[in-house]
Amino acid sequence: MIRVVYRWKVKEDDFVNFQEVWSRTTNHIHETVAGALGSFMLRSSEDPTEILTVAKWDSVENWKAFWVADNPSEMKGMREIGERISVTVYDEVDDFTRSHVE
């Protein structure tokens, strides 16, 4: 497993729109791209214009197949709203997070 961390700069006024587009985008990728296992979003409490989206993939090979041109068309809507600052791939070593269950 790998995690891919995308760092974004998004104007505060554009955040809600960015979040909506990201939600549709990440769900579409998860449903249609081999090896994509979903994503979550984090927003800095110190700088609300700094956003991280963290995607989980079953392998670096599947992510690279998706990332072929360094600018996947599926992410175009997000790039129109926010500025992608960086993309970093990490090997998942352990994950002890739990789903929230009420």
C-alpha atoms as a PDB file:
ATOM      1  CA  MET A   1       0.000   0.000   0.000  1.00  0.00           C
ATOM      2  CA  ILE A   2       1.031   3.557  -0.600  1.00  0.00           C
ATOM      3  CA  ARG A   3      -0.325   6.944   0.371  1.00  0.00           C
ATOM      4  CA  VAL A   4       0.013   9.897  -1.956  1.00  0.00           C
ATOM      5  CA  VAL A   5      -0.049  13.312  -0.295  1.00  0.00           C
ATOM      6  CA  TYR A   6      -1.146  16.202  -2.498  1.00  0.00           C
ATOM      7  CA  ARG A   7      -0.504  19.641  -1.030  1.00  0.00           C
ATOM      8  CA  TRP A   8      -2.799  22.445  -2.256  1.00  0.00           C
ATOM      9  CA  LYS A   9      -3.243  26.184  -1.832  1.00  0.00           C
ATOM     10  CA  VAL A  10      -6.917  27.126  -1.980  1.00  0.00           C
ATOM     11  CA  LYS A  11      -8.344  30.581  -1.360  1.00  0.00           C
ATOM     12  CA  GLU A  12     -10.703  30.618   1.626  1.00  0.00           C
ATOM     13  CA  ASP A  13     -13.589  31.824  -0.568  1.00  0.00           C
ATOM     14  CA  ASP A  14     -13.030  28.841  -2.887  1.00  0.00           C
ATOM     15  CA  PHE A  15     -12.758  26.161  -0.215  1.00  0.00           C
ATOM     16  CA  VAL A  16     -16.377  24.918  -0.262  1.00  0.00           C
ATOM     17  CA  ASN A  17     -16.299  24.619  -4.043  1.00  0.00           C
ATOM     18  CA  PHE A  18     -12.910  22.873  -3.917  1.00  0.00           C
ATOM     19  CA  GLN A  19     -14.215  20.436  -1.313  1.00  0.00           C
ATOM     20  CA  GLU A  20     -17.270  19.594  -3.454  1.00  0.00           C
ATOM     21  CA  VAL A  21     -15.166  19.062  -6.590  1.00  0.00           C
ATOM     22  CA  TRP A  22     -12.603  17.006  -4.640  1.00  0.00           C
ATOM     23  CA  SER A  23     -15.383  14.816  -3.229  1.00  0.00           C
ATOM     24  CA  ARG A  24     -16.810  14.044  -6.669  1.00  0.00           C
ATOM     25  CA  THR A  25     -13.312  13.583  -8.122  1.00  0.00           C
ATOM     26  CA  THR A  26     -11.966  11.254  -5.453  1.00  0.00           C
ATOM     27  CA  ASN A  27     -15.103   9.111  -5.496  1.00  0.00           C
ATOM     28  CA  HIS A  28     -14.993   8.885  -9.304  1.00  0.00           C
ATOM     29  CA  ILE A  29     -11.321   7.871  -9.235  1.00  0.00           C
ATOM     30  CA  HIS A  30     -12.002   5.317  -6.471  1.00  0.00           C
ATOM     31  CA  GLU A  31     -14.850   3.793  -8.491  1.00  0.00           C
ATOM     32  CA  THR A  32     -13.167   3.759 -11.918  1.00  0.00           C
ATOM     33  CA  VAL A  33      -9.368   3.530 -11.582  1.00  0.00           C
ATOM     34  CA  ALA A  34      -7.653   0.223 -10.821  1.00  0.00           C
ATOM     35  CA  GLY A  35      -5.891   0.246  -7.460  1.00  0.00           C
ATOM     36  CA  ALA A  36      -7.401   3.492  -6.144  1.00  0.00           C
ATOM     37  CA  LEU A  37      -8.640   2.926  -2.583  1.00  0.00           C
ATOM     38  CA  GLY A  38     -10.056   6.334  -1.654  1.00  0.00           C
ATOM     39  CA  SER A  39      -8.813   9.538  -0.120  1.00  0.00           C
ATOM     40  CA  PHE A  40      -9.257  11.946   2.757  1.00  0.00           C
ATOM     41  CA  MET A  41      -8.799  15.710   3.078  1.00  0.00           C
ATOM     42  CA  LEU A  42      -7.092  17.753   5.776  1.00  0.00           C
ATOM     43  CA  ARG A  43      -7.226  21.529   6.221  1.00  0.00           C
ATOM     44  CA  SER A  44      -4.635  23.396   8.260  1.00  0.00           C
ATOM     45  CA  SER A  45      -6.053  25.006  11.390  1.00  0.00           C
ATOM     46  CA  GLU A  46      -3.249  27.589  11.288  1.00  0.00           C
ATOM     47  CA  ASP A  47      -3.539  28.435   7.576  1.00  0.00           C
ATOM     48  CA  PRO A  48      -6.990  27.559   6.163  1.00  0.00           C
ATOM     49  CA  THR A  49      -5.673  28.009   2.614  1.00  0.00           C
ATOM     50  CA  GLU A  50      -3.380  24.984   3.053  1.00  0.00           C
ATOM     51  CA  ILE A  51      -5.098  21.720   2.126  1.00  0.00           C
ATOM     52  CA  LEU A  52      -3.749  18.180   2.041  1.00  0.00           C
ATOM     53  CA  THR A  53      -5.515  15.397   0.201  1.00  0.00           C
ATOM     54  CA  VAL A  54      -4.192  11.941   0.994  1.00  0.00           C
ATOM     55  CA  ALA A  55      -4.989   9.099  -1.393  1.00  0.00           C
ATOM     56  CA  LYS A  56      -4.540   5.412  -0.689  1.00  0.00           C
ATOM     57  CA  TRP A  57      -3.422   3.103  -3.509  1.00  0.00           C
ATOM     58  CA  ASP A  58      -2.826  -0.624  -3.561  1.00  0.00           C
ATOM     59  CA  SER A  59       0.530  -0.193  -5.345  1.00  0.00           C
ATOM     60  CA  VAL A  60       2.872   2.441  -6.682  1.00  0.00           C
ATOM     61  CA  GLU A  61       2.521   0.822 -10.122  1.00  0.00           C
ATOM     62  CA  ASN A  62      -1.236   1.469 -10.223  1.00  0.00           C
ATOM     63  CA  TRP A  63      -0.753   5.043  -9.033  1.00  0.00           C
ATOM     64  CA  LYS A  64       1.944   5.638 -11.678  1.00  0.00           C
ATOM     65  CA  ALA A  65      -0.399   4.269 -14.368  1.00  0.00           C
ATOM     66  CA  PHE A  66      -2.968   6.866 -13.234  1.00  0.00           C
ATOM     67  CA  TRP A  67      -0.356   9.625 -12.917  1.00  0.00           C
ATOM     68  CA  VAL A  68       1.095   9.053 -16.423  1.00  0.00           C
ATOM     69  CA  ALA A  69       1.236  12.684 -17.550  1.00  0.00           C
ATOM     70  CA  ASP A  70       1.738  14.270 -14.098  1.00  0.00           C
ATOM     71  CA  ASN A  71      -1.577  16.004 -14.711  1.00  0.00           C
ATOM     72  CA  PRO A  72      -4.436  13.482 -14.718  1.00  0.00           C
ATOM     73  CA  SER A  73      -7.520  14.793 -16.479  1.00  0.00           C
ATOM     74  CA  GLU A  74      -9.674  13.538 -13.584  1.00  0.00           C
ATOM     75  CA  MET A  75      -8.088  16.212 -11.362  1.00  0.00           C
ATOM     76  CA  LYS A  76      -8.602  19.111 -13.805  1.00  0.00           C
ATOM     77  CA  GLY A  77     -11.528  20.600 -11.853  1.00  0.00           C
ATOM     78  CA  MET A  78      -9.484  20.702  -8.659  1.00  0.00           C
ATOM     79  CA  ARG A  79      -6.552  22.361 -10.440  1.00  0.00           C
ATOM     80  CA  GLU A  80      -8.907  25.050 -11.776  1.00  0.00           C
ATOM     81  CA  ILE A  81      -9.862  26.031  -8.208  1.00  0.00           C
ATOM     82  CA  GLY A  82      -6.680  25.379  -6.217  1.00  0.00           C
ATOM     83  CA  GLU A  83      -2.968  25.404  -6.867  1.00  0.00           C
ATOM     84  CA  ARG A  84      -1.315  22.015  -6.448  1.00  0.00           C
ATOM     85  CA  ILE A  85       1.954  22.701  -4.595  1.00  0.00           C
ATOM     86  CA  SER A  86       3.408  19.210  -4.356  1.00  0.00           C
ATOM     87  CA  VAL A  87       2.800  15.486  -4.709  1.00  0.00           C
ATOM     88  CA  THR A  88       4.697  13.024  -2.503  1.00  0.00           C
ATOM     89  CA  VAL A  89       4.415   9.234  -2.428  1.00  0.00           C
ATOM     90  CA  TYR A  90       4.864   7.364   0.860  1.00  0.00           C
ATOM     91  CA  ASP A  91       4.961   3.638   1.561  1.00  0.00           C
ATOM     92  CA  GLU A  92       2.335   2.747   4.134  1.00  0.00           C
ATOM     93  CA  VAL A  93       4.164   1.017   6.967  1.00  0.00           C
ATOM     94  CA  ASP A  94       1.338   0.653   9.498  1.00  0.00           C
ATOM     95  CA  ASP A  95      -2.179   1.998   9.920  1.00  0.00           C
ATOM     96  CA  PHE A  96      -3.902   1.802  13.286  1.00  0.00           C
ATOM     97  CA  THR A  97      -6.669   4.282  12.474  1.00  0.00           C
ATOM     98  CA  ARG A  98     -10.208   3.125  13.059  1.00  0.00           C
ATOM     99  CA  SER A  99     -13.462   4.032  11.401  1.00  0.00           C
ATOM    100  CA  HIS A 100     -15.766   6.205  13.451  1.00  0.00           C
ATOM    101  CA  VAL A 101     -18.688   4.043  14.538  1.00  0.00           C
ATOM    102  CA  GLU A 102     -21.587   5.355  16.577  1.00  0.00           C
END
